[in-house]
Full PDB file with SEQRES, HELIX, SHEET, SSBOND, CRYST1, ORIGX, SCALE, CONECT and MASTER records, all heavy atoms in Angstrom:
SEQRES   1 A   45  THR ALA ALA THR VAL PRO ALA GLY GLY GLN ALA VAL ARG          
SEQRES   2 A   45  VAL LEU GLU ARG ALA GLY GLY GLN VAL GLY ARG LEU ASP          
SEQRES   3 A   45  TYR GLN VAL CYS HIS PRO CYS ARG LEU GLY TYR ILE ASP          
SEQRES   4 A   45  SER ILE ALA VAL ALA ALA                                      
SHEET    1 AA1 3 GLY A   9  LEU A  15  0                                        
SHEET    2 AA1 3 GLN A  21  CYS A  30 -1                                        
SHEET    3 AA1 3 LEU A  35  VAL A  43 -1                                        
CRYST1    1.000    1.000    1.000  90.00  90.00  90.00 P 1           1          
ORIGX1      1.000000  0.000000  0.000000        0.00000                         
ORIGX2      0.000000  1.000000  0.000000        0.00000                         
ORIGX3      0.000000  0.000000  1.000000        0.00000                         
SCALE1      1.000000  0.000000  0.000000        0.00000                         
SCALE2      0.000000  1.000000  0.000000        0.00000                         
SCALE3      0.000000  0.000000  1.000000        0.00000                         
ATOM      1  N   THR A   1      24.024 101.238  40.020  1.00  0.00           N  
ATOM      2  CA  THR A   1      24.248 102.436  40.761  1.00  0.00           C  
ATOM      3  C   THR A   1      22.939 102.802  41.491  1.00  0.00           C  
ATOM      4  O   THR A   1      21.940 103.023  40.691  1.00  0.00           O  
ATOM      5  CB  THR A   1      24.699 103.629  39.862  1.00  0.00           C  
ATOM      6  OG1 THR A   1      25.873 103.166  39.172  1.00  0.00           O  
ATOM      7  CG2 THR A   1      25.000 104.785  40.699  1.00  0.00           C  
ATOM      8  N   ALA A   2      22.936 102.912  42.759  1.00  0.00           N  
ATOM      9  CA  ALA A   2      21.679 103.274  43.521  1.00  0.00           C  
ATOM     10  C   ALA A   2      21.383 104.769  43.464  1.00  0.00           C  
ATOM     11  O   ALA A   2      22.344 105.564  43.234  1.00  0.00           O  
ATOM     12  CB  ALA A   2      21.770 102.754  44.905  1.00  0.00           C  
ATOM     13  N   ALA A   3      20.090 105.127  43.581  1.00  0.00           N  
ATOM     14  CA  ALA A   3      19.761 106.494  43.736  1.00  0.00           C  
ATOM     15  C   ALA A   3      20.321 107.090  44.952  1.00  0.00           C  
ATOM     16  O   ALA A   3      20.306 106.469  46.051  1.00  0.00           O  
ATOM     17  CB  ALA A   3      18.237 106.648  43.702  1.00  0.00           C  
ATOM     18  N   THR A   4      20.727 108.372  44.899  1.00  0.00           N  
ATOM     19  CA  THR A   4      21.291 109.025  46.112  1.00  0.00           C  
ATOM     20  C   THR A   4      20.169 109.830  46.809  1.00  0.00           C  
ATOM     21  O   THR A   4      20.317 110.240  47.945  1.00  0.00           O  
ATOM     22  CB  THR A   4      22.399 110.033  45.740  1.00  0.00           C  
ATOM     23  OG1 THR A   4      21.892 110.923  44.750  1.00  0.00           O  
ATOM     24  CG2 THR A   4      23.609 109.229  45.130  1.00  0.00           C  
ATOM     25  N   VAL A   5      19.037 109.973  46.156  1.00  0.00           N  
ATOM     26  CA  VAL A   5      17.846 110.615  46.758  1.00  0.00           C  
ATOM     27  C   VAL A   5      16.594 109.808  46.417  1.00  0.00           C  
ATOM     28  O   VAL A   5      16.681 109.028  45.400  1.00  0.00           O  
ATOM     29  CB  VAL A   5      17.657 112.047  46.208  1.00  0.00           C  
ATOM     30  CG1 VAL A   5      18.802 113.017  46.685  1.00  0.00           C  
ATOM     31  CG2 VAL A   5      17.398 112.126  44.760  1.00  0.00           C  
ATOM     32  N   PRO A   6      15.542 109.837  47.246  1.00  0.00           N  
ATOM     33  CA  PRO A   6      14.396 108.996  46.842  1.00  0.00           C  
ATOM     34  C   PRO A   6      13.826 109.387  45.454  1.00  0.00           C  
ATOM     35  O   PRO A   6      13.842 110.497  45.064  1.00  0.00           O  
ATOM     36  CB  PRO A   6      13.354 109.467  47.916  1.00  0.00           C  
ATOM     37  CG  PRO A   6      14.170 109.941  49.043  1.00  0.00           C  
ATOM     38  CD  PRO A   6      15.377 110.529  48.467  1.00  0.00           C  
ATOM     39  N   ALA A   7      13.521 108.353  44.746  1.00  0.00           N  
ATOM     40  CA  ALA A   7      13.097 108.439  43.287  1.00  0.00           C  
ATOM     41  C   ALA A   7      14.081 109.056  42.328  1.00  0.00           C  
ATOM     42  O   ALA A   7      13.819 109.544  41.260  1.00  0.00           O  
ATOM     43  CB  ALA A   7      11.719 109.121  43.242  1.00  0.00           C  
ATOM     44  N   GLY A   8      15.360 109.157  42.826  1.00  0.00           N  
ATOM     45  CA  GLY A   8      16.433 109.784  41.998  1.00  0.00           C  
ATOM     46  C   GLY A   8      16.966 108.776  40.844  1.00  0.00           C  
ATOM     47  O   GLY A   8      16.510 107.646  40.778  1.00  0.00           O  
ATOM     48  N   GLY A   9      17.819 109.316  40.091  1.00  0.00           N  
ATOM     49  CA  GLY A   9      18.306 108.453  38.990  1.00  0.00           C  
ATOM     50  C   GLY A   9      19.150 107.318  39.501  1.00  0.00           C  
ATOM     51  O   GLY A   9      19.875 107.424  40.414  1.00  0.00           O  
ATOM     52  N   GLN A  10      19.070 106.284  38.692  1.00  0.00           N  
ATOM     53  CA  GLN A  10      19.823 105.018  38.914  1.00  0.00           C  
ATOM     54  C   GLN A  10      20.400 104.604  37.611  1.00  0.00           C  
ATOM     55  O   GLN A  10      19.883 105.048  36.568  1.00  0.00           O  
ATOM     56  CB  GLN A  10      18.981 103.946  39.559  1.00  0.00           C  
ATOM     57  CG  GLN A  10      18.331 104.308  40.878  1.00  0.00           C  
ATOM     58  CD  GLN A  10      17.593 103.151  41.475  1.00  0.00           C  
ATOM     59  OE1 GLN A  10      18.154 102.123  41.708  1.00  0.00           O  
ATOM     60  NE2 GLN A  10      16.285 103.345  41.694  1.00  0.00           N  
ATOM     61  N   ALA A  11      21.397 103.724  37.656  1.00  0.00           N  
ATOM     62  CA  ALA A  11      21.921 103.180  36.425  1.00  0.00           C  
ATOM     63  C   ALA A  11      22.354 101.764  36.596  1.00  0.00           C  
ATOM     64  O   ALA A  11      22.675 101.308  37.639  1.00  0.00           O  
ATOM     65  CB  ALA A  11      23.143 103.996  35.928  1.00  0.00           C  
ATOM     66  N   VAL A  12      22.237 101.022  35.443  1.00  0.00           N  
ATOM     67  CA  VAL A  12      22.826  99.675  35.294  1.00  0.00           C  
ATOM     68  C   VAL A  12      23.896  99.853  34.267  1.00  0.00           C  
ATOM     69  O   VAL A  12      23.629 100.217  33.192  1.00  0.00           O  
ATOM     70  CB  VAL A  12      21.811  98.593  34.914  1.00  0.00           C  
ATOM     71  CG1 VAL A  12      22.492  97.357  34.734  1.00  0.00           C  
ATOM     72  CG2 VAL A  12      20.712  98.521  35.958  1.00  0.00           C  
ATOM     73  N   ARG A  13      25.111  99.727  34.713  1.00  0.00           N  
ATOM     74  CA  ARG A  13      26.303  99.814  33.763  1.00  0.00           C  
ATOM     75  C   ARG A  13      26.589  98.442  33.290  1.00  0.00           C  
ATOM     76  O   ARG A  13      26.762  97.480  34.093  1.00  0.00           O  
ATOM     77  CB  ARG A  13      27.534 100.487  34.479  1.00  0.00           C  
ATOM     78  CG  ARG A  13      27.242 101.906  34.748  1.00  0.00           C  
ATOM     79  CD  ARG A  13      28.442 102.485  35.550  1.00  0.00           C  
ATOM     80  NE  ARG A  13      29.576 102.367  34.769  1.00  0.00           N  
ATOM     81  CZ  ARG A  13      30.824 102.159  35.316  1.00  0.00           C  
ATOM     82  NH1 ARG A  13      30.970 102.004  36.589  1.00  0.00           N  
ATOM     83  NH2 ARG A  13      31.876 102.053  34.546  1.00  0.00           N  
ATOM     84  N   VAL A  14      26.824  98.268  31.993  1.00  0.00           N  
ATOM     85  CA  VAL A  14      27.184  96.974  31.436  1.00  0.00           C  
ATOM     86  C   VAL A  14      28.662  97.080  31.118  1.00  0.00           C  
ATOM     87  O   VAL A  14      29.099  97.985  30.406  1.00  0.00           O  
ATOM     88  CB  VAL A  14      26.419  96.667  30.115  1.00  0.00           C  
ATOM     89  CG1 VAL A  14      26.786  95.350  29.505  1.00  0.00           C  
ATOM     90  CG2 VAL A  14      24.832  96.747  30.370  1.00  0.00           C  
ATOM     91  N   LEU A  15      29.396  96.168  31.748  1.00  0.00           N  
ATOM     92  CA  LEU A  15      30.923  96.225  31.675  1.00  0.00           C  
ATOM     93  C   LEU A  15      31.425  95.008  30.909  1.00  0.00           C  
ATOM     94  O   LEU A  15      30.855  93.825  31.107  1.00  0.00           O  
ATOM     95  CB  LEU A  15      31.461  96.220  33.119  1.00  0.00           C  
ATOM     96  CG  LEU A  15      30.961  97.346  34.021  1.00  0.00           C  
ATOM     97  CD1 LEU A  15      31.470  97.160  35.482  1.00  0.00           C  
ATOM     98  CD2 LEU A  15      31.246  98.666  33.531  1.00  0.00           C  
ATOM     99  N   GLU A  16      32.530  95.258  30.181  1.00  0.00           N  
ATOM    100  CA  GLU A  16      33.169  94.118  29.530  1.00  0.00           C  
ATOM    101  C   GLU A  16      34.082  93.573  30.652  1.00  0.00           C  
ATOM    102  O   GLU A  16      34.275  94.070  31.728  1.00  0.00           O  
ATOM    103  CB  GLU A  16      34.017  94.577  28.363  1.00  0.00           C  
ATOM    104  CG  GLU A  16      35.094  95.500  28.700  1.00  0.00           C  
ATOM    105  CD  GLU A  16      35.884  96.035  27.443  1.00  0.00           C  
ATOM    106  OE1 GLU A  16      35.925  95.292  26.519  1.00  0.00           O  
ATOM    107  OE2 GLU A  16      36.436  97.125  27.495  1.00  0.00           O  
ATOM    108  N   ARG A  17      34.696  92.356  30.340  1.00  0.00           N  
ATOM    109  CA  ARG A  17      35.530  91.684  31.390  1.00  0.00           C  
ATOM    110  C   ARG A  17      36.647  92.531  31.868  1.00  0.00           C  
ATOM    111  O   ARG A  17      36.993  92.501  33.044  1.00  0.00           O  
ATOM    112  CB  ARG A  17      36.087  90.360  30.798  1.00  0.00           C  
ATOM    113  CG  ARG A  17      35.061  89.351  30.709  1.00  0.00           C  
ATOM    114  CD  ARG A  17      35.558  88.094  30.177  1.00  0.00           C  
ATOM    115  NE  ARG A  17      34.386  87.238  29.900  1.00  0.00           N  
ATOM    116  CZ  ARG A  17      34.496  85.953  29.758  1.00  0.00           C  
ATOM    117  NH1 ARG A  17      35.607  85.316  29.898  1.00  0.00           N  
ATOM    118  NH2 ARG A  17      33.438  85.284  29.486  1.00  0.00           N  
ATOM    119  N   ALA A  18      37.208  93.417  31.033  1.00  0.00           N  
ATOM    120  CA  ALA A  18      38.335  94.242  31.392  1.00  0.00           C  
ATOM    121  C   ALA A  18      37.867  95.474  32.224  1.00  0.00           C  
ATOM    122  O   ALA A  18      38.678  96.207  32.795  1.00  0.00           O  
ATOM    123  CB  ALA A  18      39.095  94.739  30.255  1.00  0.00           C  
ATOM    124  N   GLY A  19      36.573  95.547  32.401  1.00  0.00           N  
ATOM    125  CA  GLY A  19      35.995  96.662  33.229  1.00  0.00           C  
ATOM    126  C   GLY A  19      35.553  97.869  32.448  1.00  0.00           C  
ATOM    127  O   GLY A  19      34.930  98.796  33.044  1.00  0.00           O  
ATOM    128  N   GLY A  20      35.711  97.908  31.168  1.00  0.00           N  
ATOM    129  CA  GLY A  20      35.282  99.061  30.347  1.00  0.00           C  
ATOM    130  C   GLY A  20      33.757  98.972  30.135  1.00  0.00           C  
ATOM    131  O   GLY A  20      33.155  97.887  29.997  1.00  0.00           O  
ATOM    132  N   GLN A  21      33.115 100.112  30.160  1.00  0.00           N  
ATOM    133  CA  GLN A  21      31.663 100.255  29.983  1.00  0.00           C  
ATOM    134  C   GLN A  21      31.267 100.056  28.525  1.00  0.00           C  
ATOM    135  O   GLN A  21      31.757 100.824  27.716  1.00  0.00           O  
ATOM    136  CB  GLN A  21      31.135 101.519  30.588  1.00  0.00           C  
ATOM    137  CG  GLN A  21      29.605 101.643  30.561  1.00  0.00           C  
ATOM    138  CD  GLN A  21      29.161 102.846  31.280  1.00  0.00           C  
ATOM    139  OE1 GLN A  21      29.407 102.964  32.450  1.00  0.00           O  
ATOM    140  NE2 GLN A  21      28.435 103.717  30.615  1.00  0.00           N  
ATOM    141  N   VAL A  22      30.353  99.137  28.251  1.00  0.00           N  
ATOM    142  CA  VAL A  22      29.874  98.916  26.885  1.00  0.00           C  
ATOM    143  C   VAL A  22      28.368  99.179  26.748  1.00  0.00           C  
ATOM    144  O   VAL A  22      27.835  99.122  25.586  1.00  0.00           O  
ATOM    145  CB  VAL A  22      30.271  97.488  26.381  1.00  0.00           C  
ATOM    146  CG1 VAL A  22      31.731  97.315  26.356  1.00  0.00           C  
ATOM    147  CG2 VAL A  22      29.596  96.418  27.246  1.00  0.00           C  
ATOM    148  N   GLY A  23      27.807  99.458  27.828  1.00  0.00           N  
ATOM    149  CA  GLY A  23      26.338  99.724  27.834  1.00  0.00           C  
ATOM    150  C   GLY A  23      25.846 100.361  29.102  1.00  0.00           C  
ATOM    151  O   GLY A  23      26.603 100.400  30.091  1.00  0.00           O  
ATOM    152  N   ARG A  24      24.623 100.991  29.073  1.00  0.00           N  
ATOM    153  CA  ARG A  24      24.105 101.606  30.227  1.00  0.00           C  
ATOM    154  C   ARG A  24      22.547 101.743  30.125  1.00  0.00           C  
ATOM    155  O   ARG A  24      22.138 102.080  29.046  1.00  0.00           O  
ATOM    156  CB  ARG A  24      24.800 102.960  30.399  1.00  0.00           C  
ATOM    157  CG  ARG A  24      24.316 103.710  31.660  1.00  0.00           C  
ATOM    158  CD  ARG A  24      25.261 104.838  31.908  1.00  0.00           C  
ATOM    159  NE  ARG A  24      24.663 105.772  32.840  1.00  0.00           N  
ATOM    160  CZ  ARG A  24      25.374 106.533  33.577  1.00  0.00           C  
ATOM    161  NH1 ARG A  24      26.671 106.548  33.566  1.00  0.00           N  
ATOM    162  NH2 ARG A  24      24.794 107.338  34.462  1.00  0.00           N  
ATOM    163  N   LEU A  25      21.893 101.618  31.238  1.00  0.00           N  
ATOM    164  CA  LEU A  25      20.536 101.876  31.338  1.00  0.00           C  
ATOM    165  C   LEU A  25      20.347 102.844  32.424  1.00  0.00           C  
ATOM    166  O   LEU A  25      20.725 102.639  33.585  1.00  0.00           O  
ATOM    167  CB  LEU A  25      19.809 100.550  31.718  1.00  0.00           C  
ATOM    168  CG  LEU A  25      18.364 100.582  32.231  1.00  0.00           C  
ATOM    169  CD1 LEU A  25      17.450 100.939  31.090  1.00  0.00           C  
ATOM    170  CD2 LEU A  25      17.950  99.246  32.790  1.00  0.00           C  
ATOM    171  N   ASP A  26      19.700 104.007  32.152  1.00  0.00           N  
ATOM    172  CA  ASP A  26      19.376 105.010  33.107  1.00  0.00           C  
ATOM    173  C   ASP A  26      17.903 104.999  33.439  1.00  0.00           C  
ATOM    174  O   ASP A  26      17.081 104.984  32.500  1.00  0.00           O  
ATOM    175  CB  ASP A  26      19.800 106.395  32.639  1.00  0.00           C  
ATOM    176  CG  ASP A  26      21.264 106.692  32.622  1.00  0.00           C  
ATOM    177  OD1 ASP A  26      21.968 105.960  33.366  1.00  0.00           O  
ATOM    178  OD2 ASP A  26      21.689 107.621  31.998  1.00  0.00           O  
ATOM    179  N   TYR A  27      17.576 104.913  34.703  1.00  0.00           N  
ATOM    180  CA  TYR A  27      16.156 104.821  35.067  1.00  0.00           C  
ATOM    181  C   TYR A  27      15.836 105.462  36.416  1.00  0.00           C  
ATOM    182  O   TYR A  27      16.786 105.774  37.196  1.00  0.00           O  
ATOM    183  CB  TYR A  27      15.716 103.357  35.051  1.00  0.00           C  
ATOM    184  CG  TYR A  27      16.398 102.506  36.097  1.00  0.00           C  
ATOM    185  CD1 TYR A  27      15.715 102.083  37.265  1.00  0.00           C  
ATOM    186  CD2 TYR A  27      17.781 102.081  36.045  1.00  0.00           C  
ATOM    187  CE1 TYR A  27      16.329 101.206  38.196  1.00  0.00           C  
ATOM    188  CE2 TYR A  27      18.387 101.239  36.977  1.00  0.00           C  
ATOM    189  CZ  TYR A  27      17.589 100.925  38.069  1.00  0.00           C  
ATOM    190  OH  TYR A  27      18.200 100.135  39.025  1.00  0.00           O  
ATOM    191  N   GLN A  28      14.608 105.553  36.796  1.00  0.00           N  
ATOM    192  CA  GLN A  28      14.132 106.006  38.096  1.00  0.00           C  
ATOM    193  C   GLN A  28      13.130 104.996  38.624  1.00  0.00           C  
ATOM    194  O   GLN A  28      12.354 104.443  37.805  1.00  0.00           O  
ATOM    195  CB  GLN A  28      13.520 107.400  38.011  1.00  0.00           C  
ATOM    196  CG  GLN A  28      14.513 108.547  37.787  1.00  0.00           C  
ATOM    197  CD  GLN A  28      13.728 109.815  37.662  1.00  0.00           C  
ATOM    198  OE1 GLN A  28      13.167 110.046  36.629  1.00  0.00           O  
ATOM    199  NE2 GLN A  28      13.670 110.620  38.759  1.00  0.00           N  
ATOM    200  N   VAL A  29      13.079 104.916  39.971  1.00  0.00           N  
ATOM    201  CA  VAL A  29      12.011 104.073  40.579  1.00  0.00           C  
ATOM    202  C   VAL A  29      11.560 104.865  41.788  1.00  0.00           C  
ATOM    203  O   VAL A  29      12.295 105.414  42.544  1.00  0.00           O  
ATOM    204  CB  VAL A  29      12.628 102.741  41.013  1.00  0.00           C  
ATOM    205  CG1 VAL A  29      11.674 101.994  41.926  1.00  0.00           C  
ATOM    206  CG2 VAL A  29      13.067 101.877  39.871  1.00  0.00           C  
ATOM    207  N   CYS A  30      10.209 104.933  41.923  1.00  0.00           N  
ATOM    208  CA  CYS A  30       9.545 105.473  43.125  1.00  0.00           C  
ATOM    209  C   CYS A  30       8.811 104.300  43.856  1.00  0.00           C  
ATOM    210  O   CYS A  30       7.806 103.890  43.333  1.00  0.00           O  
ATOM    211  CB  CYS A  30       8.610 106.595  42.713  1.00  0.00           C  
ATOM    212  SG  CYS A  30       7.879 107.375  44.190  1.00  0.00           S  
ATOM    213  N   HIS A  31       9.361 103.926  44.970  1.00  0.00           N  
ATOM    214  CA  HIS A  31       8.717 102.835  45.656  1.00  0.00           C  
ATOM    215  C   HIS A  31       7.414 103.164  46.320  1.00  0.00           C  
ATOM    216  O   HIS A  31       6.544 102.425  46.213  1.00  0.00           O  
ATOM    217  CB  HIS A  31       9.712 102.333  46.825  1.00  0.00           C  
ATOM    218  CG  HIS A  31      10.997 101.744  46.163  1.00  0.00           C  
ATOM    219  ND1 HIS A  31      10.954 100.676  45.343  1.00  0.00           N  
ATOM    220  CD2 HIS A  31      12.297 102.155  46.158  1.00  0.00           C  
ATOM    221  CE1 HIS A  31      12.206 100.382  45.025  1.00  0.00           C  
ATOM    222  NE2 HIS A  31      12.980 101.279  45.496  1.00  0.00           N  
ATOM    223  N   PRO A  32       7.258 104.393  46.859  1.00  0.00           N  
ATOM    224  CA  PRO A  32       5.846 104.694  47.422  1.00  0.00           C  
ATOM    225  C   PRO A  32       4.751 104.669  46.331  1.00  0.00           C  
ATOM    226  O   PRO A  32       3.675 104.289  46.518  1.00  0.00           O  
ATOM    227  CB  PRO A  32       6.014 106.116  47.966  1.00  0.00           C  
ATOM    228  CG  PRO A  32       7.435 106.244  48.283  1.00  0.00           C  
ATOM    229  CD  PRO A  32       8.124 105.456  47.295  1.00  0.00           C  
ATOM    230  N   CYS A  33       5.071 105.170  45.147  1.00  0.00           N  
ATOM    231  CA  CYS A  33       4.125 105.205  44.047  1.00  0.00           C  
ATOM    232  C   CYS A  33       4.169 103.933  43.199  1.00  0.00           C  
ATOM    233  O   CYS A  33       3.326 103.710  42.316  1.00  0.00           O  
ATOM    234  CB  CYS A  33       4.404 106.442  43.155  1.00  0.00           C  
ATOM    235  SG  CYS A  33       4.212 107.983  43.994  1.00  0.00           S  
ATOM    236  N   ARG A  34       5.168 103.025  43.391  1.00  0.00           N  
ATOM    237  CA  ARG A  34       5.286 101.858  42.616  1.00  0.00           C  
ATOM    238  C   ARG A  34       5.357 102.107  41.102  1.00  0.00           C  
ATOM    239  O   ARG A  34       4.755 101.440  40.386  1.00  0.00           O  
ATOM    240  CB  ARG A  34       4.147 100.832  43.006  1.00  0.00           C  
ATOM    241  CG  ARG A  34       4.142 100.481  44.497  1.00  0.00           C  
ATOM    242  CD  ARG A  34       3.172  99.446  44.908  1.00  0.00           C  
ATOM    243  NE  ARG A  34       3.356  98.185  44.328  1.00  0.00           N  
ATOM    244  CZ  ARG A  34       4.228  97.226  44.772  1.00  0.00           C  
ATOM    245  NH1 ARG A  34       4.976  97.475  45.762  1.00  0.00           N  
ATOM    246  NH2 ARG A  34       4.278  96.112  44.175  1.00  0.00           N  
ATOM    247  N   LEU A  35       6.174 103.058  40.792  1.00  0.00           N  
ATOM    248  CA  LEU A  35       6.421 103.426  39.404  1.00  0.00           C  
ATOM    249  C   LEU A  35       7.906 103.309  38.995  1.00  0.00           C  
ATOM    250  O   LEU A  35       8.811 103.526  39.810  1.00  0.00           O  
ATOM    251  CB  LEU A  35       6.014 104.773  39.130  1.00  0.00           C  
ATOM    252  CG  LEU A  35       4.537 105.206  39.143  1.00  0.00           C  
ATOM    253  CD1 LEU A  35       4.372 106.681  38.954  1.00  0.00           C  
ATOM    254  CD2 LEU A  35       3.815 104.424  38.021  1.00  0.00           C  
ATOM    255  N   GLY A  36       8.215 102.875  37.811  1.00  0.00           N  
ATOM    256  CA  GLY A  36       9.530 102.804  37.243  1.00  0.00           C  
ATOM    257  C   GLY A  36       9.467 103.572  35.912  1.00  0.00           C  
ATOM    258  O   GLY A  36       8.468 103.500  35.183  1.00  0.00           O  
ATOM    259  N   TYR A  37      10.628 104.202  35.701  1.00  0.00           N  
ATOM    260  CA  TYR A  37      10.671 105.022  34.359  1.00  0.00           C  
ATOM    261  C   TYR A  37      12.095 104.751  33.761  1.00  0.00           C  
ATOM    262  O   TYR A  37      13.103 104.962  34.476  1.00  0.00           O  
ATOM    263  CB  TYR A  37      10.459 106.512  34.689  1.00  0.00           C  
ATOM    264  CG  TYR A  37      10.817 107.376  33.546  1.00  0.00           C  
ATOM    265  CD1 TYR A  37       9.999 107.456  32.404  1.00  0.00           C  
ATOM    266  CD2 TYR A  37      12.041 108.110  33.538  1.00  0.00           C  
ATOM    267  CE1 TYR A  37      10.312 108.361  31.408  1.00  0.00           C  
ATOM    268  CE2 TYR A  37      12.372 108.989  32.479  1.00  0.00           C  
ATOM    269  CZ  TYR A  37      11.481 109.025  31.416  1.00  0.00           C  
ATOM    270  OH  TYR A  37      11.858 109.844  30.367  1.00  0.00           O  
ATOM    271  N   ILE A  38      12.148 104.253  32.531  1.00  0.00           N  
ATOM    272  CA  ILE A  38      13.438 104.054  31.834  1.00  0.00           C  
ATOM    273  C   ILE A  38      13.678 105.260  30.996  1.00  0.00           C  
ATOM    274  O   ILE A  38      12.878 105.534  30.020  1.00  0.00           O  
ATOM    275  CB  ILE A  38      13.433 102.797  30.999  1.00  0.00           C  
ATOM    276  CG1 ILE A  38      13.307 101.539  31.932  1.00  0.00           C  
ATOM    277  CG2 ILE A  38      14.675 102.704  30.147  1.00  0.00           C  
ATOM    278  CD1 ILE A  38      13.247 100.217  31.279  1.00  0.00           C  
ATOM    279  N   ASP A  39      14.744 106.013  31.308  1.00  0.00           N  
ATOM    280  CA  ASP A  39      15.042 107.245  30.508  1.00  0.00           C  
ATOM    281  C   ASP A  39      15.816 106.855  29.328  1.00  0.00           C  
ATOM    282  O   ASP A  39      15.430 107.430  28.210  1.00  0.00           O  
ATOM    283  CB  ASP A  39      15.929 108.183  31.409  1.00  0.00           C  
ATOM    284  CG  ASP A  39      16.248 109.363  30.645  1.00  0.00           C  
ATOM    285  OD1 ASP A  39      15.358 110.115  30.181  1.00  0.00           O  
ATOM    286  OD2 ASP A  39      17.465 109.689  30.577  1.00  0.00           O  
ATOM    287  N   SER A  40      16.752 106.000  29.341  1.00  0.00           N  
ATOM    288  CA  SER A  40      17.499 105.638  28.085  1.00  0.00           C  
ATOM    289  C   SER A  40      18.304 104.405  28.385  1.00  0.00           C  
ATOM    290  O   SER A  40      18.629 104.005  29.441  1.00  0.00           O  
ATOM    291  CB  SER A  40      18.498 106.742  27.720  1.00  0.00           C  
ATOM    292  OG  SER A  40      19.283 107.082  28.840  1.00  0.00           O  
ATOM    293  N   ILE A  41      18.516 103.622  27.265  1.00  0.00           N  
ATOM    294  CA  ILE A  41      19.267 102.412  27.317  1.00  0.00           C  
ATOM    295  C   ILE A  41      20.089 102.387  26.007  1.00  0.00           C  
ATOM    296  O   ILE A  41      19.597 102.719  24.904  1.00  0.00           O  
ATOM    297  CB  ILE A  41      18.384 101.177  27.457  1.00  0.00           C  
ATOM    298  CG1 ILE A  41      19.246  99.881  27.470  1.00  0.00           C  
ATOM    299  CG2 ILE A  41      17.325 101.086  26.326  1.00  0.00           C  
ATOM    300  CD1 ILE A  41      18.385  98.682  27.833  1.00  0.00           C  
ATOM    301  N   ALA A  42      21.301 102.004  26.147  1.00  0.00           N  
ATOM    302  CA  ALA A  42      22.220 101.933  25.011  1.00  0.00           C  
ATOM    303  C   ALA A  42      23.226 100.840  25.210  1.00  0.00           C  
ATOM    304  O   ALA A  42      23.724 100.632  26.324  1.00  0.00           O  
ATOM    305  CB  ALA A  42      22.889 103.316  24.715  1.00  0.00           C  
ATOM    306  N   VAL A  43      23.611 100.101  24.155  1.00  0.00           N  
ATOM    307  CA  VAL A  43      24.675  99.107  24.072  1.00  0.00           C  
ATOM    308  C   VAL A  43      25.539  99.483  22.900  1.00  0.00           C  
ATOM    309  O   VAL A  43      24.994  99.709  21.827  1.00  0.00           O  
ATOM    310  CB  VAL A  43      24.111  97.740  24.076  1.00  0.00           C  
ATOM    311  CG1 VAL A  43      25.271  96.842  23.888  1.00  0.00           C  
ATOM    312  CG2 VAL A  43      23.311  97.343  25.265  1.00  0.00           C  
ATOM    313  N   ALA A  44      26.833  99.563  23.099  1.00  0.00           N  
ATOM    314  CA  ALA A  44      27.767  99.843  21.997  1.00  0.00           C  
ATOM    315  C   ALA A  44      27.520  98.850  20.869  1.00  0.00           C  
ATOM    316  O   ALA A  44      27.230  97.718  21.020  1.00  0.00           O  
ATOM    317  CB  ALA A  44      29.262  99.743  22.435  1.00  0.00           C  
ATOM    318  N   ALA A  45      27.569  99.383  19.598  1.00  0.00           N  
ATOM    319  CA  ALA A  45      27.180  98.583  18.472  1.00  0.00           C  
ATOM    320  C   ALA A  45      27.834  97.219  18.336  1.00  0.00           C  
ATOM    321  O   ALA A  45      27.117  96.235  18.050  1.00  0.00           O  
ATOM    322  CB  ALA A  45      27.511  99.359  17.139  1.00  0.00           C  
TER     323      ALA A  45                                                      
MASTER        0    0    0    0    3    0    0    6  322    1    0    4          
END                                                                             
């Protein structure tokens, strides 16, 4: 999921084959400052 504003929140959703979400990584990237920040990451047990 791309950020809707510069340096805004983004996500990588981990999906099972049926399409259900089993994990997620929430992060931000600022291209002008060349910084990345991982807020949280989780995968179902």
